[in-house]
Structures are given as C-alpha cells and as structure tokens.
Protein backbone atom coordinates (compact mmCIF):
# COMPACT_ATOMS: atom_id res chain seq x y z
CA MET A 1 -151.01 19.45 -80.35
CA LYS A 2 -147.80 20.30 -81.75
CA LEU A 3 -145.97 23.29 -80.24
CA ILE A 4 -142.71 25.32 -80.07
CA LEU A 5 -141.42 25.85 -76.66
CA THR A 6 -140.42 29.79 -75.96
CA ALA A 7 -139.35 28.87 -72.53
CA ALA A 8 -137.99 26.05 -70.46
CA VAL A 9 -140.43 23.74 -69.30
CA GLU A 10 -139.80 20.98 -66.76
CA ASN A 11 -139.80 17.70 -68.10
CA LEU A 12 -140.86 18.76 -71.27
CA GLY A 13 -138.01 20.62 -72.96
CA ILE A 14 -136.20 23.98 -73.30
CA ALA A 15 -136.97 27.13 -75.57
CA GLY A 16 -137.06 26.33 -79.41
CA ASP A 17 -137.72 22.57 -79.05
CA VAL A 18 -140.77 21.38 -80.97
CA VAL A 19 -143.20 19.00 -78.76
CA GLU A 20 -146.24 17.03 -79.16
CA VAL A 21 -148.67 17.37 -75.92
CA ARG A 22 -152.22 16.90 -75.08
CA ASP A 23 -154.60 19.76 -76.17
CA GLY A 24 -155.76 20.43 -72.58
CA TYR A 25 -152.29 21.03 -71.30
CA ALA A 26 -151.34 23.17 -74.26
CA ARG A 27 -154.65 25.27 -73.77
CA ASN A 28 -154.83 25.60 -70.44
CA PHE A 29 -151.16 25.94 -69.21
CA LEU A 30 -148.75 26.32 -71.99
CA LEU A 31 -150.08 28.92 -74.17
CA PRO A 32 -151.84 31.23 -71.58
CA ARG A 33 -148.51 31.74 -69.79
CA HIS A 34 -146.53 32.07 -73.20
CA TYR A 35 -144.51 29.12 -72.65
CA ALA A 36 -145.16 28.09 -76.14
CA ILE A 37 -146.62 29.07 -79.35
CA ALA A 38 -148.52 26.90 -81.89
CA TRP A 39 -146.65 25.11 -84.40
CA THR A 40 -146.87 26.08 -88.19
CA LYS A 41 -144.76 26.41 -91.08
CA GLY A 42 -144.25 30.03 -90.51
CA ALA A 43 -143.76 29.44 -86.98
CA GLU A 44 -141.15 26.96 -87.62
CA LYS A 45 -138.73 29.95 -88.85
CA GLN A 46 -138.83 31.34 -85.54
CA ILE A 47 -137.17 28.32 -83.73
CA GLU A 48 -133.72 29.45 -84.99
CA GLY A 49 -134.14 32.96 -83.41
CA ILE A 50 -135.54 31.36 -80.45
CA LYS A 51 -132.48 29.20 -79.94
CA ARG A 52 -130.04 32.02 -80.50
CA ALA A 53 -131.93 34.14 -78.11
CA ARG A 54 -131.61 31.06 -75.69
CA ASP A 55 -128.01 30.51 -76.09
CA ALA A 56 -127.29 34.34 -75.47
CA ARG A 57 -128.94 34.09 -72.37
CA GLU A 58 -127.71 30.50 -71.16
CA ILE A 59 -124.98 30.29 -68.31
CA ARG A 60 -122.69 27.96 -69.89
CA ASP A 61 -120.99 26.36 -66.86
CA GLN A 62 -120.37 26.98 -63.15
CA GLU A 63 -117.06 29.46 -64.04
CA HIS A 64 -119.51 31.67 -66.24
CA ALA A 65 -122.15 31.58 -63.63
CA ALA A 66 -119.32 32.84 -60.91
CA GLU A 67 -118.52 35.54 -63.43
CA ILE A 68 -122.02 36.94 -63.55
CA ARG A 69 -122.63 36.53 -59.78
CA ASP A 70 -119.60 38.84 -59.49
CA GLN A 71 -121.28 41.24 -61.76
CA LEU A 72 -124.40 41.22 -60.37
CA GLU A 73 -122.92 41.61 -56.61
CA LYS A 74 -120.83 44.67 -57.45
CA MET A 75 -124.27 46.37 -58.46
CA SER A 76 -126.41 48.41 -56.25
CA LEU A 77 -130.04 48.38 -57.50
CA THR A 78 -132.83 50.90 -56.33
CA ILE A 79 -136.13 50.31 -56.85
CA THR A 80 -138.89 52.98 -56.51
CA VAL A 81 -142.10 52.10 -55.03
CA ASN A 82 -145.29 53.53 -53.77
CA ALA A 83 -145.46 53.46 -49.88
CA SER A 84 -147.14 54.99 -46.93
CA GLU A 85 -145.67 57.31 -44.68
CA SER A 86 -144.62 54.74 -42.07
CA GLY A 87 -142.63 52.89 -44.72
CA LYS A 88 -144.74 49.85 -45.74
CA LEU A 89 -145.24 49.14 -49.58
CA PHE A 90 -148.77 49.08 -51.33
CA GLY A 91 -147.95 45.75 -52.42
CA ARG A 92 -144.41 44.16 -52.45
CA VAL A 93 -141.38 43.84 -54.74
CA THR A 94 -141.87 41.24 -57.36
CA ALA A 95 -139.10 39.34 -59.32
CA ALA A 96 -140.03 41.31 -62.25
CA ASP A 97 -139.07 44.58 -60.52
CA VAL A 98 -135.97 43.30 -59.48
CA VAL A 99 -135.23 41.81 -63.26
CA ASN A 100 -136.02 45.61 -64.56
CA ALA A 101 -134.12 47.13 -61.96
CA ILE A 102 -130.97 44.76 -63.24
CA LYS A 103 -131.62 46.12 -66.69
CA LYS A 104 -131.77 49.60 -66.06
CA ALA A 105 -128.38 49.45 -64.12
CA GLY A 106 -126.75 47.67 -67.20
CA GLY A 107 -126.64 44.13 -65.88
CA PRO A 108 -126.66 40.82 -67.59
CA SER A 109 -130.25 39.73 -68.51
CA VAL A 110 -131.74 37.52 -65.74
CA ASP A 111 -134.74 35.23 -65.81
CA LYS A 112 -137.24 36.60 -63.21
CA ARG A 113 -137.92 32.75 -62.42
CA ALA A 114 -134.23 32.57 -60.96
CA VAL A 115 -135.05 35.53 -58.56
CA GLU A 116 -135.33 34.25 -54.92
CA PHE A 117 -136.72 36.02 -51.91
CA THR A 118 -135.66 34.81 -48.49
CA LYS A 119 -138.98 36.54 -47.15
CA PRO A 120 -141.20 39.16 -49.06
CA VAL A 121 -140.07 42.78 -49.39
CA LYS A 122 -143.02 44.80 -47.97
CA SER A 123 -141.12 47.60 -46.75
CA LEU A 124 -138.70 50.47 -47.33
CA GLY A 125 -134.80 50.17 -46.97
CA SER A 126 -132.09 47.77 -47.81
CA HIS A 127 -132.84 44.21 -48.46
CA ILE A 128 -130.89 41.21 -49.83
CA VAL A 129 -132.36 39.04 -53.21
CA GLY A 130 -130.96 35.98 -54.31
CA VAL A 131 -130.77 35.39 -57.89
CA ASP A 132 -130.25 31.39 -58.74
CA LEU A 133 -127.57 31.27 -61.56
CA HIS A 134 -126.40 27.59 -61.40
CA GLU A 135 -127.06 24.66 -59.25
CA ALA A 136 -124.21 25.63 -57.17
CA VAL A 137 -124.11 29.54 -57.62
CA ILE A 138 -126.27 32.04 -56.27
CA ALA A 139 -125.89 35.70 -56.70
CA HIS A 140 -126.89 37.82 -53.25
CA ILE A 141 -127.91 41.47 -54.63
CA PRO A 142 -128.31 44.48 -52.23
CA VAL A 143 -131.70 46.16 -53.22
CA GLU A 144 -132.49 49.53 -52.00
CA VAL A 145 -136.20 50.21 -51.79
CA VAL A 146 -137.22 53.97 -51.91
CA ALA A 147 -140.46 55.57 -52.04
CA ALA A 148 -141.54 57.28 -55.16
C-alpha cells in the first residue's frame, strides 16, 4: 500500500515521505495512529504543506536545541487537574497536558512524544518534566499541578 507519512516513523521515514508498506502494517498501525494518510493524486498536493510544517517544527542542530531548552526552562507551567481532597489526582498528568500548557504559555511547539516523565505525575504540587529536544539536549521544565 502506498502512503504519505504525516509523522516520523522509526525505520520507515519522516513526515512528507511517500512509502510503500504492507497492507496490514498500514491498516493496523500507521493509519489508526494518524502516522500516515493514503496516497492519492489529491493527497500528493499535501506533501509540500506537510514538509513545510515539519521544517518549521524541526530542531536544526544542537545550538538550536539549546536555545529552545533555555526558552522552555525559563517558563513556569501550571496545569489544572481534577483532584481529591488529599491531593491525589483522578488520573495523571500526560504528555499531551504538558504540550498544551507549553502552547498556552506561548512556548515553542513540542512533540508530545518528546515529553519524558521520571515518574508518573499523580499528585498536586511541583514536578520536573523532561523534554528530549536533541540527542544531547534535554530541557527540564518545572510544572506546577493545581486542583481545579
């Protein structure tokens, strides 16, 4: 099956690449997770837009990653969640919650797959969340979790 990747997939390609994969892999993994779209002549026109968006998000080199790390570490993020009286969360803080908080604070765009937790955030208070920006650059962002 011929597909256009919308996200980077390990050992397959990056966003905007046209790839040929087995039908089952496409149907059961790539398409349900929105990592790819089916290739058509009309979808071929979307490739340029996908590549432009990828280039805008892409971290070019280690110096660029260090600049983004400095921006992120200066931010103070607050995530509002539902919690019990004792301070335990109903659920936990996810990578998507952190990415949305960065967006609300006016920070640079970050892929949710780059967000790393040293331990699950399941309580109110201050926590440190890591964001893997480059092979050698990780941003450690302070996150304040407050009750709604």
